Amino acid sequence: VFSATDGDGMPIICFLLQEQKCLFSVRLQTGERFTDIFYDVKPEMSWSVPAIAAAPVVVTRP
């Protein structure tokens, strides 16, 4: 599991499914309703790609 941002800066949570050999990600969209900010989780299919091989990685923020 790792997080990323889309071109417009929206956060994306990515899940690497080892047995299925695929990458699934959800885009967290923000919106204001009743002066509260909420996240709406929607599948981001444009980021779903077959994974050929996977290895654990450490991601750090610059």
Protein backbone atom coordinates (compact mmCIF):
# COMPACT_ATOMS: atom_id res chain seq x y z
CA VAL A 1 0.00 0.00 0.00
CA PHE A 2 1.30 3.45 -0.87
CA SER A 3 -0.05 6.91 -1.53
CA ALA A 4 0.46 9.21 -4.49
CA THR A 5 -1.03 12.36 -5.94
CA ASP A 6 -2.71 12.87 -9.28
CA GLY A 7 -1.78 15.62 -11.72
CA ASP A 8 -4.29 17.93 -10.05
CA GLY A 9 -2.88 17.22 -6.57
CA MET A 10 -5.70 14.93 -5.37
CA PRO A 11 -4.50 12.11 -3.09
CA ILE A 12 -4.56 8.55 -4.41
CA ILE A 13 -4.22 5.39 -2.30
CA CYS A 14 -2.67 2.49 -4.23
CA PHE A 15 -2.96 -1.21 -3.38
CA LEU A 16 -0.64 -3.75 -4.98
CA LEU A 17 -2.46 -7.09 -5.13
CA GLN A 18 0.30 -9.69 -5.27
CA GLU A 19 -1.77 -12.80 -6.04
CA GLN A 20 -3.82 -11.10 -8.76
CA LYS A 21 -0.68 -9.29 -10.03
CA CYS A 22 -2.45 -5.97 -10.44
CA LEU A 23 -2.41 -2.46 -9.07
CA PHE A 24 -5.67 -0.99 -7.76
CA SER A 25 -5.97 2.62 -6.71
CA VAL A 26 -8.67 4.87 -5.35
CA ARG A 27 -8.79 8.62 -5.72
CA LEU A 28 -9.86 10.57 -2.64
CA GLN A 29 -11.93 13.50 -3.82
CA THR A 30 -12.67 16.38 -1.52
CA GLY A 31 -15.72 18.55 -1.42
CA GLU A 32 -17.34 20.98 0.94
CA ARG A 33 -20.77 20.25 2.36
CA PHE A 34 -22.23 21.95 5.40
CA THR A 35 -18.83 23.61 6.03
CA ASP A 36 -17.22 20.18 6.53
CA ILE A 37 -14.66 18.61 4.22
CA PHE A 38 -15.30 14.99 3.28
CA TYR A 39 -13.53 12.38 1.17
CA ASP A 40 -15.42 10.49 -1.50
CA VAL A 41 -13.65 7.24 -2.39
CA LYS A 42 -14.02 6.34 -6.06
CA PRO A 43 -12.13 3.76 -8.14
CA GLU A 44 -9.46 5.35 -10.31
CA MET A 45 -9.48 2.91 -13.21
CA SER A 46 -6.99 4.87 -15.30
CA TRP A 47 -4.29 3.82 -12.81
CA SER A 48 -5.19 0.11 -12.86
CA VAL A 49 -2.34 -1.62 -14.67
CA PRO A 50 -1.11 -5.23 -14.72
CA ALA A 51 1.86 -5.74 -12.45
CA ILE A 52 4.54 -8.02 -13.84
CA ALA A 53 6.57 -8.35 -10.65
CA ALA A 54 6.51 -6.66 -7.31
CA ALA A 55 8.97 -6.09 -4.53
CA PRO A 56 8.64 -4.17 -1.26
CA VAL A 57 9.74 -0.55 -1.54
CA VAL A 58 10.19 2.31 0.89
CA VAL A 59 8.71 5.59 -0.28
CA THR A 60 9.83 8.81 1.36
CA ARG A 61 8.68 12.33 0.85
CA PRO A 62 11.38 14.74 -0.38
